[in-house]
Amino acid sequence: MTDTETETATLDRPLSSDIADVFELLSEKHRCAILFVLSDRSDPLSVSGLATHLEEWLSNATGDTATVRIELEHRHLPKLEAADVLEYDRDTGTVSRGPAFARTYETLERTCSCLDRSPDTRSC
C-alpha cells in the first residue's frame, strides 16, 4: 500500500464516538476556557467566580458576569457535566474537575500544541 493509499484509508475511517464527542465539547471557546481555568485549581470554584474568570479570559470585561453565569449554568456546565469533564453542584453553586477532566484537558493541550498555539495565549 502506498503512502497515499494509507492516508486515504485512514481518512475514510470514521472517528470513534469518544473522540468526536471530545472535539465537539472543545469546539466551543467558553468550554475550552473553563478547562483552562479549572486546570489551575484543585479545589471547587463558585460559578460566579468562574464567570468572572471567563470574562477576563475571553477579554469580555464588560462587568456583566450575570449573563456569562446564565450561559454557564444553562449551556456549558451541563454539557461538560454530562461528559464527566466536571462536577457541577447546583446546591452549592460550585464546579470542580470531574473524572474525565485530565483526559479532555490533555486533548485540548495537544490540539493547541499541534496548532502551534500555547494555551497561555488564549487563542486555542
PDB file of N, CA and C in Angstrom:
ATOM      1  N   MET A   1       0.850  -1.170   0.000  1.00  0.00           N
ATOM      2  CA  MET A   1       0.000   0.000   0.000  1.00  0.00           C
ATOM      3  C   MET A   1       0.898   1.236   0.000  1.00  0.00           C
ATOM      4  N   THR A   2       0.613   2.184  -0.863  1.00  0.00           N
ATOM      5  CA  THR A   2       1.404   3.406  -0.944  1.00  0.00           C
ATOM      6  C   THR A   2       1.012   4.347   0.177  1.00  0.00           C
ATOM      7  N   ASP A   3       1.832   5.392   0.364  1.00  0.00           N
ATOM      8  CA  ASP A   3       1.525   6.383   1.394  1.00  0.00           C
ATOM      9  C   ASP A   3       0.182   7.053   1.139  1.00  0.00           C
ATOM     10  N   THR A   4      -0.102   7.345  -0.108  1.00  0.00           N
ATOM     11  CA  THR A   4      -1.367   7.992  -0.460  1.00  0.00           C
ATOM     12  C   THR A   4      -2.540   7.073  -0.149  1.00  0.00           C
ATOM     13  N   GLU A   5      -2.401   5.775  -0.465  1.00  0.00           N
ATOM     14  CA  GLU A   5      -3.472   4.817  -0.171  1.00  0.00           C
ATOM     15  C   GLU A   5      -3.683   4.687   1.332  1.00  0.00           C
ATOM     16  N   THR A   6      -2.580   4.663   2.098  1.00  0.00           N
ATOM     17  CA  THR A   6      -2.679   4.567   3.548  1.00  0.00           C
ATOM     18  C   THR A   6      -3.376   5.796   4.107  1.00  0.00           C
ATOM     19  N   GLU A   7      -2.988   6.982   3.606  1.00  0.00           N
ATOM     20  CA  GLU A   7      -3.603   8.217   4.066  1.00  0.00           C
ATOM     21  C   GLU A   7      -5.097   8.236   3.751  1.00  0.00           C
ATOM     22  N   THR A   8      -5.458   7.814   2.561  1.00  0.00           N
ATOM     23  CA  THR A   8      -6.865   7.784   2.155  1.00  0.00           C
ATOM     24  C   THR A   8      -7.644   6.793   3.004  1.00  0.00           C
ATOM     25  N   ALA A   9      -7.069   5.608   3.229  1.00  0.00           N
ATOM     26  CA  ALA A   9      -7.742   4.603   4.043  1.00  0.00           C
ATOM     27  C   ALA A   9      -7.954   5.115   5.462  1.00  0.00           C
ATOM     28  N   THR A  10      -6.961   5.830   5.999  1.00  0.00           N
ATOM     29  CA  THR A  10      -7.076   6.382   7.345  1.00  0.00           C
ATOM     30  C   THR A  10      -8.162   7.443   7.399  1.00  0.00           C
ATOM     31  N   LEU A  11      -8.237   8.291   6.385  1.00  0.00           N
ATOM     32  CA  LEU A  11      -9.244   9.341   6.363  1.00  0.00           C
ATOM     33  C   LEU A  11     -10.649   8.799   6.162  1.00  0.00           C
ATOM     34  N   ASP A  12     -10.758   7.623   5.519  1.00  0.00           N
ATOM     35  CA  ASP A  12     -12.068   7.035   5.279  1.00  0.00           C
ATOM     36  C   ASP A  12     -12.682   6.423   6.535  1.00  0.00           C
ATOM     37  N   ARG A  13     -11.857   6.111   7.533  1.00  0.00           N
ATOM     38  CA  ARG A  13     -12.381   5.534   8.766  1.00  0.00           C
ATOM     39  C   ARG A  13     -13.113   6.591   9.574  1.00  0.00           C
ATOM     40  N   PRO A  14     -14.276   6.278  10.107  1.00  0.00           N
ATOM     41  CA  PRO A  14     -14.975   7.270  10.929  1.00  0.00           C
ATOM     42  C   PRO A  14     -14.257   7.459  12.265  1.00  0.00           C
ATOM     43  N   LEU A  15     -14.355   8.657  12.824  1.00  0.00           N
ATOM     44  CA  LEU A  15     -13.817   8.903  14.151  1.00  0.00           C
ATOM     45  C   LEU A  15     -14.617   8.103  15.158  1.00  0.00           C
ATOM     46  N   SER A  16     -13.928   7.617  16.178  1.00  0.00           N
ATOM     47  CA  SER A  16     -14.698   6.939  17.214  1.00  0.00           C
ATOM     48  C   SER A  16     -15.598   7.976  17.866  1.00  0.00           C
ATOM     49  N   SER A  17     -16.691   7.527  18.406  1.00  0.00           N
ATOM     50  CA  SER A  17     -17.632   8.483  19.004  1.00  0.00           C
ATOM     51  C   SER A  17     -16.999   9.208  20.186  1.00  0.00           C
ATOM     52  N   ASP A  18     -16.092   8.539  20.925  1.00  0.00           N
ATOM     53  CA  ASP A  18     -15.425   9.196  22.051  1.00  0.00           C
ATOM     54  C   ASP A  18     -14.615  10.398  21.583  1.00  0.00           C
ATOM     55  N   ILE A  19     -13.843  10.213  20.536  1.00  0.00           N
ATOM     56  CA  ILE A  19     -13.014  11.304  20.018  1.00  0.00           C
ATOM     57  C   ILE A  19     -13.900  12.415  19.475  1.00  0.00           C
ATOM     58  N   ALA A  20     -14.907  12.045  18.728  1.00  0.00           N
ATOM     59  CA  ALA A  20     -15.822  13.044  18.168  1.00  0.00           C
ATOM     60  C   ALA A  20     -16.512  13.824  19.284  1.00  0.00           C
ATOM     61  N   ASP A  21     -16.899  13.145  20.352  1.00  0.00           N
ATOM     62  CA  ASP A  21     -17.554  13.814  21.480  1.00  0.00           C
ATOM     63  C   ASP A  21     -16.619  14.811  22.151  1.00  0.00           C
ATOM     64  N   VAL A  22     -15.351  14.425  22.338  1.00  0.00           N
ATOM     65  CA  VAL A  22     -14.385  15.324  22.970  1.00  0.00           C
ATOM     66  C   VAL A  22     -14.186  16.571  22.110  1.00  0.00           C
ATOM     67  N   PHE A  23     -14.018  16.377  20.814  1.00  0.00           N
ATOM     68  CA  PHE A  23     -13.811  17.537  19.950  1.00  0.00           C
ATOM     69  C   PHE A  23     -15.068  18.399  19.846  1.00  0.00           C
ATOM     70  N   GLU A  24     -16.232  17.794  19.953  1.00  0.00           N
ATOM     71  CA  GLU A  24     -17.459  18.587  19.965  1.00  0.00           C
ATOM     72  C   GLU A  24     -17.493  19.453  21.227  1.00  0.00           C
ATOM     73  N   LEU A  25     -17.086  18.884  22.358  1.00  0.00           N
ATOM     74  CA  LEU A  25     -17.020  19.664  23.593  1.00  0.00           C
ATOM     75  C   LEU A  25     -16.038  20.827  23.460  1.00  0.00           C
ATOM     76  N   LEU A  26     -14.896  20.547  22.825  1.00  0.00           N
ATOM     77  CA  LEU A  26     -13.835  21.547  22.726  1.00  0.00           C
ATOM     78  C   LEU A  26     -14.043  22.535  21.582  1.00  0.00           C
ATOM     79  N   SER A  27     -15.101  22.366  20.820  1.00  0.00           N
ATOM     80  CA  SER A  27     -15.349  23.264  19.691  1.00  0.00           C
ATOM     81  C   SER A  27     -15.886  24.626  20.137  1.00  0.00           C
ATOM     82  N   GLU A  28     -16.247  24.747  21.373  1.00  0.00           N
ATOM     83  CA  GLU A  28     -16.795  25.993  21.910  1.00  0.00           C
ATOM     84  C   GLU A  28     -15.752  26.657  22.810  1.00  0.00           C
ATOM     85  N   LYS A  29     -15.384  27.906  22.510  1.00  0.00           N
ATOM     86  CA  LYS A  29     -14.305  28.586  23.235  1.00  0.00           C
ATOM     87  C   LYS A  29     -14.602  28.752  24.722  1.00  0.00           C
ATOM     88  N   HIS A  30     -15.865  28.907  25.107  1.00  0.00           N
ATOM     89  CA  HIS A  30     -16.190  29.026  26.529  1.00  0.00           C
ATOM     90  C   HIS A  30     -15.832  27.752  27.281  1.00  0.00           C
ATOM     91  N   ARG A  31     -16.107  26.602  26.665  1.00  0.00           N
ATOM     92  CA  ARG A  31     -15.801  25.332  27.335  1.00  0.00           C
ATOM     93  C   ARG A  31     -14.290  25.118  27.421  1.00  0.00           C
ATOM     94  N   CYS A  32     -13.556  25.515  26.399  1.00  0.00           N
ATOM     95  CA  CYS A  32     -12.092  25.442  26.462  1.00  0.00           C
ATOM     96  C   CYS A  32     -11.576  26.333  27.590  1.00  0.00           C
ATOM     97  N   ALA A  33     -12.117  27.533  27.685  1.00  0.00           N
ATOM     98  CA  ALA A  33     -11.705  28.460  28.741  1.00  0.00           C
ATOM     99  C   ALA A  33     -12.017  27.891  30.123  1.00  0.00           C
ATOM    100  N   ILE A  34     -13.147  27.219  30.263  1.00  0.00           N
ATOM    101  CA  ILE A  34     -13.497  26.584  31.541  1.00  0.00           C
ATOM    102  C   ILE A  34     -12.422  25.569  31.912  1.00  0.00           C
ATOM    103  N   LEU A  35     -11.984  24.777  30.961  1.00  0.00           N
ATOM    104  CA  LEU A  35     -10.941  23.796  31.226  1.00  0.00           C
ATOM    105  C   LEU A  35      -9.635  24.469  31.621  1.00  0.00           C
ATOM    106  N   PHE A  36      -9.274  25.547  30.935  1.00  0.00           N
ATOM    107  CA  PHE A  36      -8.047  26.261  31.289  1.00  0.00           C
ATOM    108  C   PHE A  36      -8.119  26.815  32.706  1.00  0.00           C
ATOM    109  N   VAL A  37      -9.258  27.387  33.069  1.00  0.00           N
ATOM    110  CA  VAL A  37      -9.417  27.939  34.412  1.00  0.00           C
ATOM    111  C   VAL A  37      -9.329  26.829  35.455  1.00  0.00           C
ATOM    112  N   LEU A  38     -10.037  25.730  35.234  1.00  0.00           N
ATOM    113  CA  LEU A  38     -10.025  24.630  36.215  1.00  0.00           C
ATOM    114  C   LEU A  38      -8.690  23.903  36.271  1.00  0.00           C
ATOM    115  N   SER A  39      -7.891  24.003  35.211  1.00  0.00           N
ATOM    116  CA  SER A  39      -6.595  23.318  35.214  1.00  0.00           C
ATOM    117  C   SER A  39      -5.653  23.901  36.258  1.00  0.00           C
ATOM    118  N   ASP A  40      -5.881  25.148  36.650  1.00  0.00           N
ATOM    119  CA  ASP A  40      -5.040  25.807  37.653  1.00  0.00           C
ATOM    120  C   ASP A  40      -5.556  25.610  39.074  1.00  0.00           C
ATOM    121  N   ARG A  41      -6.652  24.870  39.225  1.00  0.00           N
ATOM    122  CA  ARG A  41      -7.280  24.732  40.530  1.00  0.00           C
ATOM    123  C   ARG A  41      -7.483  23.259  40.882  1.00  0.00           C
ATOM    124  N   SER A  42      -7.323  22.956  42.146  1.00  0.00           N
ATOM    125  CA  SER A  42      -7.656  21.610  42.588  1.00  0.00           C
ATOM    126  C   SER A  42      -8.903  21.639  43.475  1.00  0.00           C
ATOM    127  N   ASP A  43      -9.276  22.829  43.924  1.00  0.00           N
ATOM    128  CA  ASP A  43     -10.448  22.977  44.784  1.00  0.00           C
ATOM    129  C   ASP A  43     -11.640  23.458  43.968  1.00  0.00           C
ATOM    130  N   PRO A  44     -12.857  23.236  44.466  1.00  0.00           N
ATOM    131  CA  PRO A  44     -14.046  23.710  43.743  1.00  0.00           C
ATOM    132  C   PRO A  44     -14.031  25.225  43.584  1.00  0.00           C
ATOM    133  N   LEU A  45     -14.672  25.684  42.525  1.00  0.00           N
ATOM    134  CA  LEU A  45     -14.763  27.101  42.211  1.00  0.00           C
ATOM    135  C   LEU A  45     -16.240  27.465  42.085  1.00  0.00           C
ATOM    136  N   SER A  46     -16.622  28.600  42.629  1.00  0.00           N
ATOM    137  CA  SER A  46     -18.024  29.017  42.509  1.00  0.00           C
ATOM    138  C   SER A  46     -18.327  29.362  41.053  1.00  0.00           C
ATOM    139  N   VAL A  47     -19.566  29.184  40.670  1.00  0.00           N
ATOM    140  CA  VAL A  47     -19.978  29.520  39.310  1.00  0.00           C
ATOM    141  C   VAL A  47     -19.777  31.017  39.077  1.00  0.00           C
ATOM    142  N   SER A  48     -20.037  31.847  40.092  1.00  0.00           N
ATOM    143  CA  SER A  48     -19.802  33.292  39.967  1.00  0.00           C
ATOM    144  C   SER A  48     -18.322  33.578  39.728  1.00  0.00           C
ATOM    145  N   GLY A  49     -17.464  32.896  40.485  1.00  0.00           N
ATOM    146  CA  GLY A  49     -16.015  33.055  40.295  1.00  0.00           C
ATOM    147  C   GLY A  49     -15.582  32.604  38.914  1.00  0.00           C
ATOM    148  N   LEU A  50     -16.147  31.509  38.452  1.00  0.00           N
ATOM    149  CA  LEU A  50     -15.842  31.009  37.117  1.00  0.00           C
ATOM    150  C   LEU A  50     -16.285  32.010  36.061  1.00  0.00           C
ATOM    151  N   ALA A  51     -17.462  32.600  36.240  1.00  0.00           N
ATOM    152  CA  ALA A  51     -17.959  33.602  35.286  1.00  0.00           C
ATOM    153  C   ALA A  51     -17.008  34.795  35.220  1.00  0.00           C
ATOM    154  N   THR A  52     -16.499  35.222  36.363  1.00  0.00           N
ATOM    155  CA  THR A  52     -15.541  36.332  36.388  1.00  0.00           C
ATOM    156  C   THR A  52     -14.269  35.960  35.652  1.00  0.00           C
ATOM    157  N   HIS A  53     -13.754  34.753  35.925  1.00  0.00           N
ATOM    158  CA  HIS A  53     -12.547  34.285  35.228  1.00  0.00           C
ATOM    159  C   HIS A  53     -12.762  34.220  33.725  1.00  0.00           C
ATOM    160  N   LEU A  54     -13.913  33.714  33.316  1.00  0.00           N
ATOM    161  CA  LEU A  54     -14.195  33.596  31.878  1.00  0.00           C
ATOM    162  C   LEU A  54     -14.273  34.952  31.212  1.00  0.00           C
ATOM    163  N   GLU A  55     -14.867  35.896  31.898  1.00  0.00           N
ATOM    164  CA  GLU A  55     -14.949  37.238  31.333  1.00  0.00           C
ATOM    165  C   GLU A  55     -13.552  37.789  31.081  1.00  0.00           C
ATOM    166  N   GLU A  56     -12.661  37.594  32.035  1.00  0.00           N
ATOM    167  CA  GLU A  56     -11.274  38.046  31.874  1.00  0.00           C
ATOM    168  C   GLU A  56     -10.575  37.235  30.791  1.00  0.00           C
ATOM    169  N   TRP A  57     -10.744  35.920  30.828  1.00  0.00           N
ATOM    170  CA  TRP A  57     -10.055  35.023  29.902  1.00  0.00           C
ATOM    171  C   TRP A  57     -10.439  35.319  28.455  1.00  0.00           C
ATOM    172  N   LEU A  58     -11.704  35.555  28.236  1.00  0.00           N
ATOM    173  CA  LEU A  58     -12.192  35.760  26.876  1.00  0.00           C
ATOM    174  C   LEU A  58     -12.220  37.237  26.481  1.00  0.00           C
ATOM    175  N   SER A  59     -11.589  38.070  27.300  1.00  0.00           N
ATOM    176  CA  SER A  59     -11.493  39.512  27.032  1.00  0.00           C
ATOM    177  C   SER A  59     -12.864  40.158  26.843  1.00  0.00           C
ATOM    178  N   ASN A  60     -13.816  39.738  27.655  1.00  0.00           N
ATOM    179  CA  ASN A  60     -15.166  40.302  27.592  1.00  0.00           C
ATOM    180  C   ASN A  60     -15.416  41.238  28.760  1.00  0.00           C
ATOM    181  N   ALA A  61     -14.401  41.810  29.326  1.00  0.00           N
ATOM    182  CA  ALA A  61     -14.519  42.564  30.574  1.00  0.00           C
ATOM    183  C   ALA A  61     -15.576  43.662  30.504  1.00  0.00           C
ATOM    184  N   THR A  62     -16.831  43.249  30.465  1.00  0.00           N
ATOM    185  CA  THR A  62     -17.945  44.195  30.411  1.00  0.00           C
ATOM    186  C   THR A  62     -18.528  44.403  31.801  1.00  0.00           C
ATOM    187  N   GLY A  63     -18.141  43.531  32.725  1.00  0.00           N
ATOM    188  CA  GLY A  63     -18.707  43.592  34.057  1.00  0.00           C
ATOM    189  C   GLY A  63     -20.055  42.899  34.146  1.00  0.00           C
ATOM    190  N   ASP A  64     -20.495  42.306  33.048  1.00  0.00           N
ATOM    191  CA  ASP A  64     -21.788  41.634  33.008  1.00  0.00           C
ATOM    192  C   ASP A  64     -21.610  40.140  33.259  1.00  0.00           C
ATOM    193  N   THR A  65     -21.170  39.815  34.467  1.00  0.00           N
ATOM    194  CA  THR A  65     -20.954  38.405  34.787  1.00  0.00           C
ATOM    195  C   THR A  65     -22.272  37.646  34.912  1.00  0.00           C
ATOM    196  N   ALA A  66     -23.368  38.358  35.132  1.00  0.00           N
ATOM    197  CA  ALA A  66     -24.674  37.692  35.259  1.00  0.00           C
ATOM    198  C   ALA A  66     -25.027  36.973  33.956  1.00  0.00           C
ATOM    199  N   THR A  67     -24.792  37.613  32.824  1.00  0.00           N
ATOM    200  CA  THR A  67     -25.071  36.993  31.530  1.00  0.00           C
ATOM    201  C   THR A  67     -24.169  35.791  31.303  1.00  0.00           C
ATOM    202  N   VAL A  68     -22.889  35.947  31.642  1.00  0.00           N
ATOM    203  CA  VAL A  68     -21.937  34.839  31.496  1.00  0.00           C
ATOM    204  C   VAL A  68     -22.364  33.689  32.394  1.00  0.00           C
ATOM    205  N   ARG A  69     -22.769  33.998  33.600  1.00  0.00           N
ATOM    206  CA  ARG A  69     -23.195  32.960  34.550  1.00  0.00           C
ATOM    207  C   ARG A  69     -24.415  32.198  34.029  1.00  0.00           C
ATOM    208  N   ILE A  70     -25.385  32.911  33.493  1.00  0.00           N
ATOM    209  CA  ILE A  70     -26.579  32.256  32.938  1.00  0.00           C
ATOM    210  C   ILE A  70     -26.186  31.314  31.806  1.00  0.00           C
ATOM    211  N   GLU A  71     -25.292  31.775  30.945  1.00  0.00           N
ATOM    212  CA  GLU A  71     -24.832  30.925  29.840  1.00  0.00           C
ATOM    213  C   GLU A  71     -24.094  29.696  30.365  1.00  0.00           C
ATOM    214  N   LEU A  72     -23.297  29.885  31.407  1.00  0.00           N
ATOM    215  CA  LEU A  72     -22.608  28.751  32.021  1.00  0.00           C
ATOM    216  C   LEU A  72     -23.613  27.741  32.568  1.00  0.00           C
ATOM    217  N   GLU A  73     -24.551  28.235  33.368  1.00  0.00           N
ATOM    218  CA  GLU A  73     -25.493  27.350  34.055  1.00  0.00           C
ATOM    219  C   GLU A  73     -26.432  26.608  33.114  1.00  0.00           C
ATOM    220  N   HIS A  74     -26.784  27.236  32.007  1.00  0.00           N
ATOM    221  CA  HIS A  74     -27.782  26.628  31.125  1.00  0.00           C
ATOM    222  C   HIS A  74     -27.194  25.960  29.893  1.00  0.00           C
ATOM    223  N   ARG A  75     -25.958  26.270  29.562  1.00  0.00           N
ATOM    224  CA  ARG A  75     -25.401  25.732  28.320  1.00  0.00           C
ATOM    225  C   ARG A  75     -24.125  24.915  28.524  1.00  0.00           C
ATOM    226  N   HIS A  76     -23.111  25.540  29.092  1.00  0.00           N
ATOM    227  CA  HIS A  76     -21.788  24.916  29.111  1.00  0.00           C
ATOM    228  C   HIS A  76     -21.575  23.923  30.255  1.00  0.00           C
ATOM    229  N   LEU A  77     -21.950  24.290  31.467  1.00  0.00           N
ATOM    230  CA  LEU A  77     -21.715  23.390  32.602  1.00  0.00           C
ATOM    231  C   LEU A  77     -22.494  22.085  32.476  1.00  0.00           C
ATOM    232  N   PRO A  78     -23.779  22.111  32.089  1.00  0.00           N
ATOM    233  CA  PRO A  78     -24.486  20.832  31.938  1.00  0.00           C
ATOM    234  C   PRO A  78     -23.843  19.916  30.887  1.00  0.00           C
ATOM    235  N   LYS A  79     -23.355  20.497  29.815  1.00  0.00           N
ATOM    236  CA  LYS A  79     -22.739  19.696  28.762  1.00  0.00           C
ATOM    237  C   LYS A  79     -21.432  19.056  29.253  1.00  0.00           C
ATOM    238  N   LEU A  80     -20.610  19.837  29.953  1.00  0.00           N
ATOM    239  CA  LEU A  80     -19.351  19.308  30.488  1.00  0.00           C
ATOM    240  C   LEU A  80     -19.606  18.301  31.612  1.00  0.00           C
ATOM    241  N   GLU A  81     -20.654  18.544  32.389  1.00  0.00           N
ATOM    242  CA  GLU A  81     -21.011  17.608  33.455  1.00  0.00           C
ATOM    243  C   GLU A  81     -21.489  16.275  32.867  1.00  0.00           C
ATOM    244  N   ALA A  82     -22.289  16.335  31.830  1.00  0.00           N
ATOM    245  CA  ALA A  82     -22.802  15.110  31.197  1.00  0.00           C
ATOM    246  C   ALA A  82     -21.670  14.258  30.634  1.00  0.00           C
ATOM    247  N   ALA A  83     -20.569  14.905  30.258  1.00  0.00           N
ATOM    248  CA  ALA A  83     -19.412  14.179  29.717  1.00  0.00           C
ATOM    249  C   ALA A  83     -18.416  13.806  30.812  1.00  0.00           C
ATOM    250  N   ASP A  84     -18.765  14.045  32.078  1.00  0.00           N
ATOM    251  CA  ASP A  84     -17.903  13.760  33.233  1.00  0.00           C
ATOM    252  C   ASP A  84     -16.615  14.576  33.247  1.00  0.00           C
ATOM    253  N   VAL A  85     -16.586  15.675  32.508  1.00  0.00           N
ATOM    254  CA  VAL A  85     -15.393  16.528  32.494  1.00  0.00           C
ATOM    255  C   VAL A  85     -15.337  17.350  33.784  1.00  0.00           C
ATOM    256  N   LEU A  86     -16.493  17.732  34.286  1.00  0.00           N
ATOM    257  CA  LEU A  86     -16.532  18.452  35.552  1.00  0.00           C
ATOM    258  C   LEU A  86     -17.721  17.998  36.365  1.00  0.00           C
ATOM    259  N   GLU A  87     -17.672  18.343  37.635  1.00  0.00           N
ATOM    260  CA  GLU A  87     -18.779  18.084  38.538  1.00  0.00           C
ATOM    261  C   GLU A  87     -19.389  19.432  38.893  1.00  0.00           C
ATOM    262  N   TYR A  88     -20.671  19.556  38.678  1.00  0.00           N
ATOM    263  CA  TYR A  88     -21.393  20.795  38.893  1.00  0.00           C
ATOM    264  C   TYR A  88     -22.399  20.569  40.006  1.00  0.00           C
ATOM    265  N   ASP A  89     -22.136  21.178  41.152  1.00  0.00           N
ATOM    266  CA  ASP A  89     -23.020  21.048  42.308  1.00  0.00           C
ATOM    267  C   ASP A  89     -23.962  22.252  42.332  1.00  0.00           C
ATOM    268  N   ARG A  90     -25.169  22.042  41.885  1.00  0.00           N
ATOM    269  CA  ARG A  90     -26.141  23.133  41.801  1.00  0.00           C
ATOM    270  C   ARG A  90     -26.539  23.658  43.185  1.00  0.00           C
ATOM    271  N   ASP A  91     -26.509  22.783  44.194  1.00  0.00           N
ATOM    272  CA  ASP A  91     -26.890  23.203  45.546  1.00  0.00           C
ATOM    273  C   ASP A  91     -25.896  24.205  46.130  1.00  0.00           C
ATOM    274  N   THR A  92     -24.612  23.960  45.919  1.00  0.00           N
ATOM    275  CA  THR A  92     -23.598  24.874  46.453  1.00  0.00           C
ATOM    276  C   THR A  92     -23.141  25.899  45.421  1.00  0.00           C
ATOM    277  N   GLY A  93     -23.533  25.696  44.161  1.00  0.00           N
ATOM    278  CA  GLY A  93     -23.143  26.624  43.103  1.00  0.00           C
ATOM    279  C   GLY A  93     -21.664  26.561  42.790  1.00  0.00           C
ATOM    280  N   THR A  94     -21.092  25.340  42.817  1.00  0.00           N
ATOM    281  CA  THR A  94     -19.657  25.188  42.565  1.00  0.00           C
ATOM    282  C   THR A  94     -19.394  24.171  41.462  1.00  0.00           C
ATOM    283  N   VAL A  95     -18.230  24.309  40.864  1.00  0.00           N
ATOM    284  CA  VAL A  95     -17.761  23.351  39.865  1.00  0.00           C
ATOM    285  C   VAL A  95     -16.369  22.881  40.258  1.00  0.00           C
ATOM    286  N   SER A  96     -16.075  21.650  39.899  1.00  0.00           N
ATOM    287  CA  SER A  96     -14.749  21.087  40.132  1.00  0.00           C
ATOM    288  C   SER A  96     -14.459  20.078  39.022  1.00  0.00           C
ATOM    289  N   ARG A  97     -13.227  19.647  38.965  1.00  0.00           N
ATOM    290  CA  ARG A  97     -12.822  18.683  37.939  1.00  0.00           C
ATOM    291  C   ARG A  97     -13.568  17.367  38.112  1.00  0.00           C
ATOM    292  N   GLY A  98     -13.970  16.799  36.995  1.00  0.00           N
ATOM    293  CA  GLY A  98     -14.642  15.510  37.007  1.00  0.00           C
ATOM    294  C   GLY A  98     -13.702  14.399  36.587  1.00  0.00           C
ATOM    295  N   PRO A  99     -14.194  13.160  36.545  1.00  0.00           N
ATOM    296  CA  PRO A  99     -13.357  12.007  36.218  1.00  0.00           C
ATOM    297  C   PRO A  99     -12.691  12.087  34.841  1.00  0.00           C
ATOM    298  N   ALA A 100     -13.334  12.731  33.869  1.00  0.00           N
ATOM    299  CA  ALA A 100     -12.771  12.803  32.512  1.00  0.00           C
ATOM    300  C   ALA A 100     -12.015  14.107  32.257  1.00  0.00           C
ATOM    301  N   PHE A 101     -11.795  14.892  33.322  1.00  0.00           N
ATOM    302  CA  PHE A 101     -11.138  16.191  33.128  1.00  0.00           C
ATOM    303  C   PHE A 101      -9.732  16.039  32.551  1.00  0.00           C
ATOM    304  N   ALA A 102      -8.907  15.214  33.180  1.00  0.00           N
ATOM    305  CA  ALA A 102      -7.495  15.107  32.779  1.00  0.00           C
ATOM    306  C   ALA A 102      -7.366  14.702  31.311  1.00  0.00           C
ATOM    307  N   ARG A 103      -8.129  13.707  30.902  1.00  0.00           N
ATOM    308  CA  ARG A 103      -8.060  13.235  29.513  1.00  0.00           C
ATOM    309  C   ARG A 103      -8.517  14.324  28.537  1.00  0.00           C
ATOM    310  N   THR A 104      -9.577  15.019  28.878  1.00  0.00           N
ATOM    311  CA  THR A 104     -10.103  16.063  28.000  1.00  0.00           C
ATOM    312  C   THR A 104      -9.150  17.253  27.942  1.00  0.00           C
ATOM    313  N   TYR A 105      -8.591  17.631  29.090  1.00  0.00           N
ATOM    314  CA  TYR A 105      -7.645  18.750  29.120  1.00  0.00           C
ATOM    315  C   TYR A 105      -6.382  18.403  28.340  1.00  0.00           C
ATOM    316  N   GLU A 106      -5.926  17.171  28.460  1.00  0.00           N
ATOM    317  CA  GLU A 106      -4.745  16.739  27.701  1.00  0.00           C
ATOM    318  C   GLU A 106      -5.018  16.841  26.197  1.00  0.00           C
ATOM    319  N   THR A 107      -6.202  16.463  25.775  1.00  0.00           N
ATOM    320  CA  THR A 107      -6.575  16.588  24.361  1.00  0.00           C
ATOM    321  C   THR A 107      -6.544  18.049  23.937  1.00  0.00           C
ATOM    322  N   LEU A 108      -7.054  18.930  24.772  1.00  0.00           N
ATOM    323  CA  LEU A 108      -7.046  20.362  24.473  1.00  0.00           C
ATOM    324  C   LEU A 108      -5.616  20.877  24.356  1.00  0.00           C
ATOM    325  N   GLU A 109      -4.763  20.512  25.303  1.00  0.00           N
ATOM    326  CA  GLU A 109      -3.356  20.947  25.258  1.00  0.00           C
ATOM    327  C   GLU A 109      -2.652  20.436  24.007  1.00  0.00           C
ATOM    328  N   ARG A 110      -2.862  19.173  23.683  1.00  0.00           N
ATOM    329  CA  ARG A 110      -2.212  18.603  22.495  1.00  0.00           C
ATOM    330  C   ARG A 110      -2.720  19.257  21.214  1.00  0.00           C
ATOM    331  N   THR A 111      -4.003  19.558  21.174  1.00  0.00           N
ATOM    332  CA  THR A 111      -4.560  20.215  19.997  1.00  0.00           C
ATOM    333  C   THR A 111      -3.937  21.597  19.821  1.00  0.00           C
ATOM    334  N   CYS A 112      -3.828  22.335  20.914  1.00  0.00           N
ATOM    335  CA  CYS A 112      -3.190  23.654  20.844  1.00  0.00           C
ATOM    336  C   CYS A 112      -1.738  23.522  20.404  1.00  0.00           C
ATOM    337  N   SER A 113      -1.060  22.505  20.907  1.00  0.00           N
ATOM    338  CA  SER A 113       0.334  22.272  20.535  1.00  0.00           C
ATOM    339  C   SER A 113       0.456  21.950  19.048  1.00  0.00           C
ATOM    340  N   CYS A 114      -0.445  21.119  18.540  1.00  0.00           N
ATOM    341  CA  CYS A 114      -0.421  20.766  17.115  1.00  0.00           C
ATOM    342  C   CYS A 114      -0.700  21.986  16.244  1.00  0.00           C
ATOM    343  N   LEU A 115      -1.507  22.893  16.762  1.00  0.00           N
ATOM    344  CA  LEU A 115      -1.819  24.115  16.032  1.00  0.00           C
ATOM    345  C   LEU A 115      -0.743  25.178  16.254  1.00  0.00           C
ATOM    346  N   ASP A 116       0.304  24.792  17.028  1.00  0.00           N
ATOM    347  CA  ASP A 116       1.405  25.677  17.355  1.00  0.00           C
ATOM    348  C   ASP A 116       0.912  26.905  18.098  1.00  0.00           C
ATOM    349  N   ARG A 117      -0.017  26.662  19.031  1.00  0.00           N
ATOM    350  CA  ARG A 117      -0.523  27.737  19.883  1.00  0.00           C
ATOM    351  C   ARG A 117      -0.372  27.305  21.327  1.00  0.00           C
ATOM    352  N   SER A 118      -0.026  28.208  22.154  1.00  0.00           N
ATOM    353  CA  SER A 118       0.090  27.932  23.572  1.00  0.00           C
ATOM    354  C   SER A 118      -1.253  28.213  24.229  1.00  0.00           C
ATOM    355  N   PRO A 119      -1.677  27.351  25.163  1.00  0.00           N
ATOM    356  CA  PRO A 119      -2.909  27.655  25.882  1.00  0.00           C
ATOM    357  C   PRO A 119      -2.825  29.005  26.596  1.00  0.00           C
ATOM    358  N   ASP A 120      -1.607  29.424  26.939  1.00  0.00           N
ATOM    359  CA  ASP A 120      -1.439  30.695  27.635  1.00  0.00           C
ATOM    360  C   ASP A 120      -1.776  31.888  26.745  1.00  0.00           C
ATOM    361  N   THR A 121      -1.773  31.711  25.421  1.00  0.00           N
ATOM    362  CA  THR A 121      -2.085  32.829  24.544  1.00  0.00           C
ATOM    363  C   THR A 121      -3.591  33.034  24.407  1.00  0.00           C
ATOM    364  N   ARG A 122      -4.355  32.091  24.935  1.00  0.00           N
ATOM    365  CA  ARG A 122      -5.824  32.170  24.910  1.00  0.00           C
ATOM    366  C   ARG A 122      -6.370  32.198  23.490  1.00  0.00           C
ATOM    367  N   SER A 123      -5.609  31.630  22.560  1.00  0.00           N
ATOM    368  CA  SER A 123      -6.063  31.667  21.170  1.00  0.00           C
ATOM    369  C   SER A 123      -6.458  30.306  20.638  1.00  0.00           C
ATOM    370  N   CYS A 124      -6.444  29.291  21.474  1.00  0.00           N
ATOM    371  CA  CYS A 124      -6.822  27.959  21.017  1.00  0.00           C
ATOM    372  C   CYS A 124      -8.315  27.881  20.849  1.00  0.00           C
TER     373      CYS A 124
END
